[in-house]
């Protein structure tokens, strides 16, 4: 019975990804990564239910930045990003959403999203009206459920998605 409830929750998280809007485009755009000199990393604060078990935004940020550095991707501060890449100011946004399952107090459903956001403009507008805004240009996510002793799964999920970003970034920006 427990498995069926967890499966139902995971399916509910995934259903929207099966029905993209008719005018949508892929958010795994390697072309959107070309020429980037590095990225700023921003991790959203997590709910206390995760922090109670020593899973913190600071820890996740350190994990992501370490993996990026090891892959040769430059980590930029906000100031460096604005100076080096003022037209796009890319940042890698990591968000971990969690929810305690009401029928099993120790089981937590989670969703991990890693998004590269950049300043973009809409080309269909007249140049005088174009205002840049942040939009996702690369996106990956996973969902799951875990008990506190298995919260390492959440960190592993962040590592998997970070690896996918690294692969896409290095494909778009091969080292000489």
N, C-alpha and C. Protein backbone atom coordinates (compact mmCIF):
# COMPACT_ATOMS: atom_id res chain seq x y z
N UNK A 1 0.82 -1.19 0.00
CA UNK A 1 0.00 0.00 0.00
C UNK A 1 0.87 1.26 0.00
N UNK A 2 1.93 1.25 0.80
CA UNK A 2 2.84 2.39 0.89
C UNK A 2 3.46 2.67 -0.48
N UNK A 3 3.88 1.63 -1.16
CA UNK A 3 4.50 1.78 -2.48
C UNK A 3 3.54 2.42 -3.46
N UNK A 4 2.27 2.02 -3.43
CA UNK A 4 1.28 2.56 -4.36
C UNK A 4 1.08 4.06 -4.12
N UNK A 5 1.07 4.47 -2.88
CA UNK A 5 0.90 5.90 -2.58
C UNK A 5 2.10 6.71 -3.05
N UNK A 6 3.29 6.21 -2.81
CA UNK A 6 4.50 6.90 -3.26
C UNK A 6 4.52 6.96 -4.78
N UNK A 7 4.18 5.86 -5.42
CA UNK A 7 4.13 5.84 -6.88
C UNK A 7 3.12 6.84 -7.42
N UNK A 8 1.96 6.93 -6.79
CA UNK A 8 0.94 7.89 -7.22
C UNK A 8 1.45 9.32 -7.10
N UNK A 9 2.17 9.63 -6.03
CA UNK A 9 2.72 10.97 -5.85
C UNK A 9 3.78 11.27 -6.90
N UNK A 10 4.65 10.33 -7.16
CA UNK A 10 5.70 10.53 -8.17
C UNK A 10 5.08 10.73 -9.54
N UNK A 11 4.06 9.95 -9.88
CA UNK A 11 3.38 10.11 -11.17
C UNK A 11 2.73 11.48 -11.25
N UNK A 12 2.10 11.93 -10.16
CA UNK A 12 1.46 13.25 -10.15
C UNK A 12 2.49 14.36 -10.40
N UNK A 13 3.71 14.22 -9.85
CA UNK A 13 4.77 15.19 -10.09
C UNK A 13 5.19 15.18 -11.57
N UNK A 14 5.16 14.01 -12.19
CA UNK A 14 5.70 13.85 -13.55
C UNK A 14 4.70 14.16 -14.66
N UNK A 15 3.41 14.05 -14.42
CA UNK A 15 2.41 14.19 -15.48
C UNK A 15 2.58 15.47 -16.30
N UNK A 16 2.80 16.65 -15.68
CA UNK A 16 2.92 17.85 -16.51
C UNK A 16 4.05 17.78 -17.54
N UNK A 17 5.09 17.02 -17.27
CA UNK A 17 6.21 16.96 -18.22
C UNK A 17 5.87 16.13 -19.45
N UNK A 18 4.78 15.34 -19.41
CA UNK A 18 4.39 14.55 -20.57
C UNK A 18 3.57 15.34 -21.58
N UNK A 19 3.06 16.50 -21.17
CA UNK A 19 2.18 17.29 -22.02
C UNK A 19 2.70 18.71 -22.16
N UNK A 20 3.78 18.89 -22.93
CA UNK A 20 4.30 20.24 -23.09
C UNK A 20 3.35 21.08 -23.94
N UNK A 21 3.36 22.40 -23.75
CA UNK A 21 2.53 23.27 -24.58
C UNK A 21 2.89 23.11 -26.06
N UNK A 22 1.92 23.35 -26.93
CA UNK A 22 2.12 23.16 -28.37
C UNK A 22 3.25 24.01 -28.92
N UNK A 23 3.45 25.19 -28.40
CA UNK A 23 4.49 26.10 -28.92
C UNK A 23 5.75 26.07 -28.06
N UNK A 24 6.02 24.97 -27.42
CA UNK A 24 7.18 24.91 -26.54
C UNK A 24 8.44 24.53 -27.31
N UNK A 25 9.58 24.72 -26.66
CA UNK A 25 10.85 24.31 -27.23
C UNK A 25 11.65 23.62 -26.14
N UNK A 26 12.64 22.89 -26.55
CA UNK A 26 13.45 22.13 -25.61
C UNK A 26 14.27 23.06 -24.73
N UNK A 27 14.31 22.77 -23.44
CA UNK A 27 15.15 23.56 -22.54
C UNK A 27 16.45 22.83 -22.25
N UNK A 28 16.92 22.08 -23.22
CA UNK A 28 18.23 21.47 -23.12
C UNK A 28 19.09 22.03 -24.25
N UNK A 29 18.93 23.27 -24.51
CA UNK A 29 19.52 23.96 -25.65
C UNK A 29 21.03 24.18 -25.44
N UNK A 30 21.84 23.35 -26.10
CA UNK A 30 23.29 23.54 -25.99
C UNK A 30 23.73 24.86 -26.63
N UNK A 31 23.01 25.29 -27.69
CA UNK A 31 23.36 26.57 -28.33
C UNK A 31 23.26 27.73 -27.35
N UNK A 32 22.35 27.61 -26.38
CA UNK A 32 22.18 28.67 -25.38
C UNK A 32 23.37 28.74 -24.40
N UNK A 33 24.19 27.70 -24.42
CA UNK A 33 25.34 27.65 -23.51
C UNK A 33 26.63 28.12 -24.18
N UNK A 34 26.60 28.23 -25.52
CA UNK A 34 27.82 28.59 -26.26
C UNK A 34 28.34 29.95 -25.84
N UNK A 35 29.65 30.00 -25.64
CA UNK A 35 30.31 31.26 -25.36
C UNK A 35 30.24 31.73 -23.92
N UNK A 36 29.57 30.99 -23.06
CA UNK A 36 29.52 31.41 -21.66
C UNK A 36 30.90 31.22 -21.03
N UNK A 37 31.32 32.23 -20.30
CA UNK A 37 32.65 32.18 -19.67
C UNK A 37 32.61 31.61 -18.26
N UNK A 38 31.45 31.25 -17.81
CA UNK A 38 31.27 30.70 -16.48
C UNK A 38 29.85 30.97 -16.05
N UNK A 39 29.53 30.57 -14.83
CA UNK A 39 28.18 30.78 -14.30
C UNK A 39 28.24 31.16 -12.82
N UNK A 40 27.24 31.90 -12.43
CA UNK A 40 26.99 32.16 -11.02
C UNK A 40 26.10 31.01 -10.54
N UNK A 41 26.22 30.61 -9.29
CA UNK A 41 25.40 29.52 -8.76
C UNK A 41 24.52 30.07 -7.64
N UNK A 42 23.23 29.78 -7.74
CA UNK A 42 22.28 30.22 -6.73
C UNK A 42 21.44 29.03 -6.31
N UNK A 43 21.42 28.74 -5.01
CA UNK A 43 20.64 27.62 -4.48
C UNK A 43 19.55 28.20 -3.58
N UNK A 44 18.31 27.82 -3.87
CA UNK A 44 17.18 28.29 -3.09
C UNK A 44 17.20 27.65 -1.70
N UNK A 45 16.80 28.42 -0.69
CA UNK A 45 16.71 27.88 0.66
C UNK A 45 15.76 26.69 0.67
N UNK A 46 16.05 25.73 1.53
CA UNK A 46 15.23 24.52 1.62
C UNK A 46 14.36 24.55 2.87
N UNK A 47 13.33 23.72 2.84
CA UNK A 47 12.44 23.63 3.99
C UNK A 47 13.19 23.06 5.19
N UNK A 48 12.70 23.44 6.37
CA UNK A 48 13.31 22.99 7.63
C UNK A 48 13.32 21.47 7.74
N UNK A 49 12.34 20.80 7.13
CA UNK A 49 12.27 19.33 7.22
C UNK A 49 13.50 18.67 6.62
N UNK A 50 14.15 19.33 5.68
CA UNK A 50 15.41 18.79 5.13
C UNK A 50 16.60 19.26 5.96
N UNK A 51 16.56 20.51 6.38
CA UNK A 51 17.67 21.05 7.16
C UNK A 51 17.80 20.37 8.51
N UNK A 52 16.68 19.84 9.05
CA UNK A 52 16.73 19.09 10.30
C UNK A 52 17.65 17.88 10.18
N UNK A 53 17.83 17.39 8.96
CA UNK A 53 18.67 16.21 8.71
C UNK A 53 19.97 16.59 8.00
N UNK A 54 20.43 17.82 8.25
CA UNK A 54 21.71 18.31 7.76
C UNK A 54 21.81 18.37 6.24
N UNK A 55 20.71 18.61 5.57
CA UNK A 55 20.73 18.85 4.14
C UNK A 55 20.41 20.33 3.95
N UNK A 56 21.45 21.14 3.68
CA UNK A 56 21.28 22.59 3.65
C UNK A 56 21.61 23.16 2.27
N UNK A 57 21.12 24.35 2.02
CA UNK A 57 21.40 25.05 0.77
C UNK A 57 22.91 25.33 0.65
N UNK A 58 23.55 25.64 1.75
CA UNK A 58 25.00 25.91 1.73
C UNK A 58 25.76 24.66 1.29
N UNK A 59 25.36 23.51 1.81
CA UNK A 59 26.00 22.24 1.44
C UNK A 59 25.78 21.93 -0.04
N UNK A 60 24.55 22.12 -0.52
CA UNK A 60 24.24 21.85 -1.93
C UNK A 60 25.03 22.81 -2.82
N UNK A 61 25.10 24.08 -2.44
CA UNK A 61 25.86 25.06 -3.23
C UNK A 61 27.33 24.65 -3.32
N UNK A 62 27.89 24.23 -2.21
CA UNK A 62 29.30 23.80 -2.20
C UNK A 62 29.48 22.58 -3.10
N UNK A 63 28.55 21.63 -3.05
CA UNK A 63 28.62 20.44 -3.90
C UNK A 63 28.61 20.81 -5.38
N UNK A 64 27.65 21.66 -5.76
CA UNK A 64 27.51 22.05 -7.17
C UNK A 64 28.74 22.82 -7.64
N UNK A 65 29.19 23.79 -6.85
CA UNK A 65 30.35 24.58 -7.25
C UNK A 65 31.60 23.71 -7.37
N UNK A 66 31.77 22.76 -6.47
CA UNK A 66 32.93 21.86 -6.54
C UNK A 66 32.92 21.06 -7.83
N UNK A 67 31.76 20.49 -8.18
CA UNK A 67 31.66 19.70 -9.41
C UNK A 67 31.94 20.57 -10.64
N UNK A 68 31.40 21.78 -10.66
CA UNK A 68 31.64 22.67 -11.80
C UNK A 68 33.12 23.03 -11.93
N UNK A 69 33.74 23.37 -10.80
CA UNK A 69 35.18 23.71 -10.83
C UNK A 69 36.01 22.53 -11.32
N UNK A 70 35.70 21.33 -10.81
CA UNK A 70 36.45 20.14 -11.22
C UNK A 70 36.33 19.89 -12.72
N UNK A 71 35.21 20.31 -13.30
CA UNK A 71 34.99 20.14 -14.75
C UNK A 71 35.60 21.29 -15.55
N UNK A 72 36.16 22.27 -14.86
CA UNK A 72 36.78 23.40 -15.56
C UNK A 72 35.83 24.53 -15.89
N UNK A 73 34.66 24.54 -15.27
CA UNK A 73 33.69 25.63 -15.49
C UNK A 73 33.91 26.67 -14.40
N UNK A 74 34.10 27.90 -14.83
CA UNK A 74 34.40 28.98 -13.91
C UNK A 74 33.16 29.37 -13.11
N UNK A 75 33.33 29.50 -11.79
CA UNK A 75 32.26 29.96 -10.90
C UNK A 75 32.44 31.46 -10.74
N UNK A 76 31.37 32.20 -11.04
CA UNK A 76 31.44 33.65 -10.99
C UNK A 76 30.62 34.20 -9.82
N UNK A 77 31.13 35.24 -9.20
CA UNK A 77 30.33 35.95 -8.21
C UNK A 77 29.33 36.82 -8.99
N UNK A 78 28.36 37.37 -8.31
CA UNK A 78 27.37 38.24 -8.98
C UNK A 78 28.07 39.41 -9.67
N UNK A 79 29.04 40.00 -9.00
CA UNK A 79 29.75 41.15 -9.56
C UNK A 79 30.57 40.75 -10.78
N UNK A 80 31.29 39.62 -10.69
CA UNK A 80 32.07 39.14 -11.83
C UNK A 80 31.17 38.83 -13.02
N UNK A 81 30.03 38.21 -12.74
CA UNK A 81 29.10 37.85 -13.79
C UNK A 81 28.59 39.09 -14.53
N UNK A 82 28.25 40.13 -13.78
CA UNK A 82 27.76 41.37 -14.39
C UNK A 82 28.86 42.06 -15.21
N UNK A 83 30.09 41.93 -14.75
CA UNK A 83 31.21 42.57 -15.45
C UNK A 83 31.61 41.80 -16.71
N UNK A 84 31.74 40.48 -16.59
CA UNK A 84 32.24 39.64 -17.68
C UNK A 84 31.17 39.38 -18.74
N UNK A 85 29.92 39.17 -18.30
CA UNK A 85 28.84 38.78 -19.23
C UNK A 85 27.62 39.66 -19.03
N UNK A 86 27.75 40.98 -19.24
CA UNK A 86 26.65 41.89 -18.92
C UNK A 86 25.39 41.70 -19.76
N UNK A 87 25.51 41.09 -20.93
CA UNK A 87 24.34 40.94 -21.79
C UNK A 87 23.47 39.74 -21.44
N UNK A 88 24.06 38.74 -20.77
CA UNK A 88 23.25 37.55 -20.46
C UNK A 88 23.24 37.19 -18.98
N UNK A 89 24.25 37.55 -18.22
CA UNK A 89 24.34 37.29 -16.77
C UNK A 89 23.80 35.91 -16.37
N UNK A 90 24.37 34.84 -16.91
CA UNK A 90 23.82 33.51 -16.63
C UNK A 90 24.04 33.06 -15.19
N UNK A 91 23.03 32.41 -14.65
CA UNK A 91 23.21 31.79 -13.34
C UNK A 91 22.52 30.44 -13.32
N UNK A 92 23.15 29.51 -12.60
CA UNK A 92 22.63 28.17 -12.44
C UNK A 92 21.81 28.17 -11.16
N UNK A 93 20.53 27.88 -11.30
CA UNK A 93 19.59 27.95 -10.18
C UNK A 93 19.22 26.53 -9.76
N UNK A 94 19.43 26.22 -8.49
CA UNK A 94 19.13 24.90 -7.95
C UNK A 94 18.00 25.04 -6.94
N UNK A 95 16.95 24.24 -7.17
CA UNK A 95 15.79 24.31 -6.28
C UNK A 95 15.39 22.89 -5.88
N UNK A 96 15.28 22.67 -4.57
CA UNK A 96 14.82 21.39 -4.06
C UNK A 96 13.53 21.64 -3.30
N UNK A 97 12.45 21.13 -3.85
CA UNK A 97 11.15 21.24 -3.19
C UNK A 97 10.89 19.93 -2.45
N UNK A 98 10.30 20.03 -1.27
CA UNK A 98 10.01 18.82 -0.51
C UNK A 98 8.65 18.95 0.16
N UNK A 99 8.10 17.77 0.46
CA UNK A 99 6.79 17.73 1.11
C UNK A 99 6.69 16.44 1.92
N UNK A 100 6.38 16.61 3.21
CA UNK A 100 6.16 15.42 4.04
C UNK A 100 4.86 14.76 3.62
N UNK A 101 4.92 13.45 3.42
CA UNK A 101 3.71 12.73 3.04
C UNK A 101 2.84 12.53 4.27
N UNK A 102 1.56 12.92 4.20
CA UNK A 102 0.72 12.90 5.40
C UNK A 102 0.48 11.50 5.97
N UNK A 103 0.50 10.49 5.13
CA UNK A 103 0.22 9.14 5.63
C UNK A 103 1.47 8.45 6.15
N UNK A 104 2.64 8.99 5.87
CA UNK A 104 3.90 8.45 6.39
C UNK A 104 4.76 9.64 6.80
N UNK A 105 4.77 9.96 8.06
CA UNK A 105 5.42 11.18 8.52
C UNK A 105 6.92 11.24 8.19
N UNK A 106 7.58 10.10 8.08
CA UNK A 106 9.01 10.14 7.83
C UNK A 106 9.36 10.11 6.35
N UNK A 107 8.39 9.91 5.47
CA UNK A 107 8.67 9.88 4.04
C UNK A 107 8.49 11.29 3.48
N UNK A 108 9.49 11.73 2.73
CA UNK A 108 9.44 13.06 2.13
C UNK A 108 9.55 12.91 0.62
N UNK A 109 8.56 13.47 -0.07
CA UNK A 109 8.61 13.52 -1.53
C UNK A 109 9.44 14.75 -1.89
N UNK A 110 10.23 14.64 -2.95
CA UNK A 110 11.08 15.77 -3.34
C UNK A 110 11.12 15.92 -4.85
N UNK A 111 11.45 17.13 -5.24
CA UNK A 111 11.67 17.46 -6.64
C UNK A 111 12.93 18.31 -6.69
N UNK A 112 13.85 17.94 -7.57
CA UNK A 112 15.10 18.70 -7.73
C UNK A 112 15.10 19.29 -9.13
N UNK A 113 15.33 20.60 -9.20
CA UNK A 113 15.38 21.29 -10.49
C UNK A 113 16.70 22.03 -10.59
N UNK A 114 17.34 21.91 -11.74
CA UNK A 114 18.52 22.73 -12.03
C UNK A 114 18.22 23.45 -13.34
N UNK A 115 18.30 24.77 -13.28
CA UNK A 115 17.95 25.61 -14.41
C UNK A 115 19.05 26.62 -14.66
N UNK A 116 19.44 26.78 -15.91
CA UNK A 116 20.32 27.89 -16.26
C UNK A 116 19.42 29.01 -16.73
N UNK A 117 19.51 30.14 -16.06
CA UNK A 117 18.70 31.30 -16.43
C UNK A 117 19.63 32.37 -16.99
N UNK A 118 19.16 33.04 -18.04
CA UNK A 118 19.93 34.10 -18.68
C UNK A 118 19.01 35.24 -19.06
N UNK A 119 19.60 36.42 -19.23
CA UNK A 119 18.84 37.54 -19.76
C UNK A 119 18.56 37.29 -21.23
N UNK A 120 17.31 37.47 -21.64
CA UNK A 120 16.92 37.30 -23.03
C UNK A 120 16.01 38.46 -23.41
N UNK A 121 15.83 38.65 -24.71
CA UNK A 121 14.85 39.61 -25.22
C UNK A 121 14.01 38.90 -26.26
N UNK A 122 12.83 39.41 -26.48
CA UNK A 122 11.95 38.83 -27.48
C UNK A 122 12.21 39.53 -28.81
N UNK A 123 12.67 38.81 -29.82
CA UNK A 123 13.04 39.44 -31.09
C UNK A 123 11.85 39.98 -31.87
N UNK A 124 10.64 39.52 -31.58
CA UNK A 124 9.48 39.99 -32.34
C UNK A 124 9.08 41.41 -31.96
N UNK A 125 9.55 41.89 -30.84
CA UNK A 125 9.21 43.25 -30.43
C UNK A 125 10.12 44.25 -31.14
N UNK A 126 9.63 45.47 -31.36
CA UNK A 126 10.51 46.51 -31.93
C UNK A 126 11.69 46.74 -30.99
N UNK A 127 12.84 47.06 -31.56
CA UNK A 127 14.06 47.22 -30.74
C UNK A 127 13.86 48.23 -29.62
N UNK A 128 13.13 49.28 -29.87
CA UNK A 128 12.93 50.31 -28.85
C UNK A 128 12.12 49.80 -27.66
N UNK A 129 11.33 48.75 -27.84
CA UNK A 129 10.50 48.21 -26.77
C UNK A 129 11.10 46.97 -26.11
N UNK A 130 12.18 46.46 -26.64
CA UNK A 130 12.78 45.24 -26.08
C UNK A 130 13.36 45.50 -24.71
N UNK A 131 12.89 44.76 -23.76
CA UNK A 131 13.40 44.82 -22.39
C UNK A 131 13.91 43.43 -22.03
N UNK A 132 15.17 43.31 -21.64
CA UNK A 132 15.68 41.99 -21.27
C UNK A 132 15.03 41.49 -19.97
N UNK A 133 14.84 40.18 -19.90
CA UNK A 133 14.30 39.54 -18.70
C UNK A 133 14.96 38.18 -18.56
N UNK A 134 14.96 37.65 -17.33
CA UNK A 134 15.55 36.34 -17.10
C UNK A 134 14.58 35.25 -17.54
N UNK A 135 15.11 34.27 -18.25
CA UNK A 135 14.32 33.13 -18.70
C UNK A 135 15.20 31.88 -18.63
N UNK A 136 14.58 30.73 -18.40
CA UNK A 136 15.36 29.48 -18.40
C UNK A 136 15.77 29.13 -19.83
N UNK A 137 17.04 28.78 -20.00
CA UNK A 137 17.52 28.37 -21.32
C UNK A 137 18.02 26.92 -21.29
N UNK A 138 18.14 26.36 -20.11
CA UNK A 138 18.52 24.96 -19.95
C UNK A 138 17.87 24.50 -18.66
N UNK A 139 17.26 23.29 -18.66
CA UNK A 139 16.51 22.84 -17.49
C UNK A 139 16.49 21.32 -17.42
N UNK A 140 16.66 20.79 -16.22
CA UNK A 140 16.50 19.35 -15.95
C UNK A 140 15.90 19.21 -14.55
N UNK A 141 15.14 18.14 -14.36
CA UNK A 141 14.61 17.87 -13.02
C UNK A 141 14.45 16.37 -12.79
N UNK A 142 14.33 16.02 -11.53
CA UNK A 142 13.99 14.65 -11.13
C UNK A 142 13.08 14.74 -9.91
N UNK A 143 12.31 13.68 -9.68
CA UNK A 143 11.44 13.61 -8.51
C UNK A 143 11.66 12.27 -7.83
N UNK A 144 11.33 12.22 -6.56
CA UNK A 144 11.47 10.98 -5.83
C UNK A 144 10.90 11.10 -4.43
N UNK A 145 11.12 10.09 -3.65
CA UNK A 145 10.69 10.08 -2.26
C UNK A 145 11.78 9.36 -1.46
N UNK A 146 11.97 9.83 -0.23
CA UNK A 146 13.02 9.24 0.61
C UNK A 146 12.67 9.39 2.08
N UNK A 147 13.25 8.52 2.88
CA UNK A 147 13.17 8.64 4.33
C UNK A 147 14.48 9.29 4.78
N UNK A 148 14.50 9.89 5.97
CA UNK A 148 15.70 10.62 6.40
C UNK A 148 17.01 9.86 6.25
N UNK A 149 17.02 8.56 6.53
CA UNK A 149 18.28 7.82 6.42
C UNK A 149 18.75 7.72 4.97
N UNK A 150 17.85 7.95 4.02
CA UNK A 150 18.20 7.88 2.60
C UNK A 150 18.28 9.26 1.92
N UNK A 151 18.42 10.32 2.72
CA UNK A 151 18.47 11.67 2.13
C UNK A 151 19.71 11.88 1.25
N UNK A 152 20.66 10.95 1.34
CA UNK A 152 21.80 11.02 0.43
C UNK A 152 21.32 10.92 -1.02
N UNK A 153 20.15 10.31 -1.23
CA UNK A 153 19.56 10.23 -2.58
C UNK A 153 19.32 11.62 -3.15
N UNK A 154 18.95 12.55 -2.30
CA UNK A 154 18.68 13.91 -2.76
C UNK A 154 19.98 14.56 -3.23
N UNK A 155 21.03 14.43 -2.44
CA UNK A 155 22.34 14.96 -2.87
C UNK A 155 22.81 14.28 -4.14
N UNK A 156 22.60 12.95 -4.24
CA UNK A 156 22.98 12.22 -5.45
C UNK A 156 22.20 12.74 -6.66
N UNK A 157 20.93 13.06 -6.46
CA UNK A 157 20.12 13.62 -7.54
C UNK A 157 20.66 14.96 -8.01
N UNK A 158 21.08 15.79 -7.07
CA UNK A 158 21.69 17.08 -7.44
C UNK A 158 22.97 16.82 -8.23
N UNK A 159 23.76 15.84 -7.81
CA UNK A 159 25.01 15.51 -8.52
C UNK A 159 24.71 15.03 -9.94
N UNK A 160 23.68 14.20 -10.10
CA UNK A 160 23.32 13.70 -11.44
C UNK A 160 22.93 14.84 -12.37
N UNK A 161 22.11 15.75 -11.86
CA UNK A 161 21.67 16.87 -12.70
C UNK A 161 22.82 17.83 -12.99
N UNK A 162 23.69 18.02 -12.02
CA UNK A 162 24.87 18.86 -12.24
C UNK A 162 25.75 18.23 -13.31
N UNK A 163 25.90 16.92 -13.28
CA UNK A 163 26.68 16.23 -14.32
C UNK A 163 26.07 16.44 -15.70
N UNK A 164 24.75 16.42 -15.79
CA UNK A 164 24.08 16.66 -17.08
C UNK A 164 24.35 18.08 -17.57
N UNK A 165 24.32 19.04 -16.65
CA UNK A 165 24.63 20.41 -17.05
C UNK A 165 26.08 20.51 -17.52
N UNK A 166 26.98 19.90 -16.79
CA UNK A 166 28.40 19.94 -17.15
C UNK A 166 28.60 19.36 -18.55
N UNK A 167 27.98 18.24 -18.81
CA UNK A 167 28.10 17.60 -20.12
C UNK A 167 27.60 18.53 -21.23
N UNK A 168 26.45 19.15 -21.02
CA UNK A 168 25.88 20.07 -22.02
C UNK A 168 26.79 21.29 -22.19
N UNK A 169 27.28 21.83 -21.08
CA UNK A 169 28.15 23.02 -21.13
C UNK A 169 29.44 22.71 -21.89
N UNK A 170 30.06 21.58 -21.57
CA UNK A 170 31.31 21.23 -22.23
C UNK A 170 31.12 20.85 -23.69
N UNK A 171 29.95 20.33 -24.04
CA UNK A 171 29.64 20.05 -25.45
C UNK A 171 29.54 21.37 -26.22
N UNK A 172 28.92 22.36 -25.61
CA UNK A 172 28.76 23.67 -26.26
C UNK A 172 30.05 24.48 -26.23
N UNK A 173 30.89 24.23 -25.26
CA UNK A 173 32.14 24.98 -25.09
C UNK A 173 33.31 24.03 -24.92
N UNK A 174 33.67 23.31 -26.01
CA UNK A 174 34.77 22.34 -25.88
C UNK A 174 36.08 23.03 -25.50
N UNK A 175 36.85 22.32 -24.69
CA UNK A 175 38.14 22.88 -24.29
C UNK A 175 39.11 22.77 -25.49
N UNK A 176 39.94 23.81 -25.67
CA UNK A 176 40.88 23.78 -26.81
C UNK A 176 41.95 22.72 -26.65
